[in-house]
Amino acid sequence: MTGGQGALSLDSSVDASGMRKHEEIRRIDSDRPALRVIEPNVEEMQLHAERLDAVDKACAAGAVWRRGKQAGEDCQD
């Protein structure tokens, strides 16, 4: 590793010196405005499906998300 990489950590509960950080739970106001959901268009859905097909093909056992339920079955409105 190069200098500085030894302190690289993806664990957000530990600071750069390796000491555990104490983090408070931050409560969010339940009266906040709803988040805006941007739905994908037909072209974006097709591109996404093609990407999933490529990942599925690259995996010898097939992609986990392609087993069992059909896409969208567990996403009820």
Protein backbone atom coordinates (compact mmCIF):
# COMPACT_ATOMS: atom_id res chain seq x y z
CA MET A 1 0.00 0.00 0.00
CA THR A 2 1.10 3.55 -0.56
CA GLY A 3 1.34 6.05 2.27
CA GLY A 4 -2.04 6.91 3.70
CA GLN A 5 -3.80 3.83 2.33
CA GLY A 6 -3.12 1.96 5.55
CA ALA A 7 -5.60 4.27 7.26
CA LEU A 8 -8.19 3.80 4.53
CA SER A 9 -11.34 2.29 5.98
CA LEU A 10 -14.86 1.92 4.68
CA ASP A 11 -16.13 1.44 8.23
CA SER A 12 -17.83 4.74 9.06
CA SER A 13 -17.89 3.88 12.77
CA VAL A 14 -14.09 4.15 12.95
CA ASP A 15 -12.14 7.38 12.47
CA ALA A 16 -8.79 7.67 10.63
CA SER A 17 -6.84 6.83 13.80
CA GLY A 18 -8.79 3.58 14.21
CA MET A 19 -10.78 4.85 17.19
CA ARG A 20 -14.51 4.11 17.35
CA LYS A 21 -16.71 7.15 16.78
CA HIS A 22 -19.81 7.69 18.90
CA GLU A 23 -22.68 8.57 16.60
CA GLU A 24 -26.09 9.68 17.78
CA ILE A 25 -29.23 8.51 16.01
CA ARG A 26 -30.59 11.48 14.12
CA ARG A 27 -34.39 11.52 14.19
CA ILE A 28 -36.19 12.91 11.15
CA ASP A 29 -39.38 14.92 11.50
CA SER A 30 -42.32 12.74 10.44
CA ASP A 31 -44.10 15.82 9.06
CA ARG A 32 -41.42 16.36 6.42
CA PRO A 33 -42.51 16.63 2.77
CA ALA A 34 -42.63 13.41 0.76
CA LEU A 35 -39.62 12.62 -1.41
CA ARG A 36 -40.05 13.11 -5.13
CA VAL A 37 -39.91 9.82 -7.04
CA ILE A 38 -38.69 10.00 -10.62
CA GLU A 39 -40.04 7.04 -12.58
CA PRO A 40 -37.89 5.62 -15.39
CA ASN A 41 -39.13 5.99 -18.95
CA VAL A 42 -39.50 3.07 -21.38
CA GLU A 43 -36.01 3.49 -22.82
CA GLU A 44 -34.41 3.55 -19.35
CA MET A 45 -36.32 0.42 -18.35
CA GLN A 46 -35.12 -1.36 -21.50
CA LEU A 47 -31.49 -0.35 -20.88
CA HIS A 48 -31.78 -1.53 -17.29
CA ALA A 49 -33.21 -4.89 -18.42
CA GLU A 50 -30.36 -5.29 -20.90
CA ARG A 51 -27.80 -4.60 -18.16
CA LEU A 52 -29.47 -7.16 -15.89
CA ASP A 53 -29.42 -9.68 -18.76
CA ALA A 54 -25.67 -9.12 -19.21
CA VAL A 55 -24.97 -9.58 -15.50
CA ASP A 56 -27.22 -12.65 -15.41
CA LYS A 57 -25.38 -14.17 -18.39
CA ALA A 58 -21.97 -13.48 -16.80
CA CYS A 59 -22.90 -15.35 -13.62
CA ALA A 60 -22.60 -19.14 -13.89
CA ALA A 61 -25.50 -19.76 -11.49
CA GLY A 62 -27.57 -16.88 -12.83
CA ALA A 63 -28.35 -13.69 -11.01
CA VAL A 64 -30.06 -13.99 -7.63
CA TRP A 65 -32.75 -11.45 -8.56
CA ARG A 66 -33.80 -13.59 -11.50
CA ARG A 67 -34.70 -16.55 -9.28
CA GLY A 68 -38.17 -17.12 -7.85
CA LYS A 69 -40.48 -14.13 -8.10
CA GLN A 70 -41.03 -12.36 -11.37
CA ALA A 71 -39.75 -8.77 -11.56
CA GLY A 72 -42.12 -6.39 -9.83
CA GLU A 73 -44.20 -9.03 -8.00
CA ASP A 74 -43.11 -7.77 -4.61
CA CYS A 75 -43.52 -4.12 -5.57
CA GLN A 76 -47.22 -3.57 -5.09
CA ASP A 77 -48.67 -0.03 -5.30
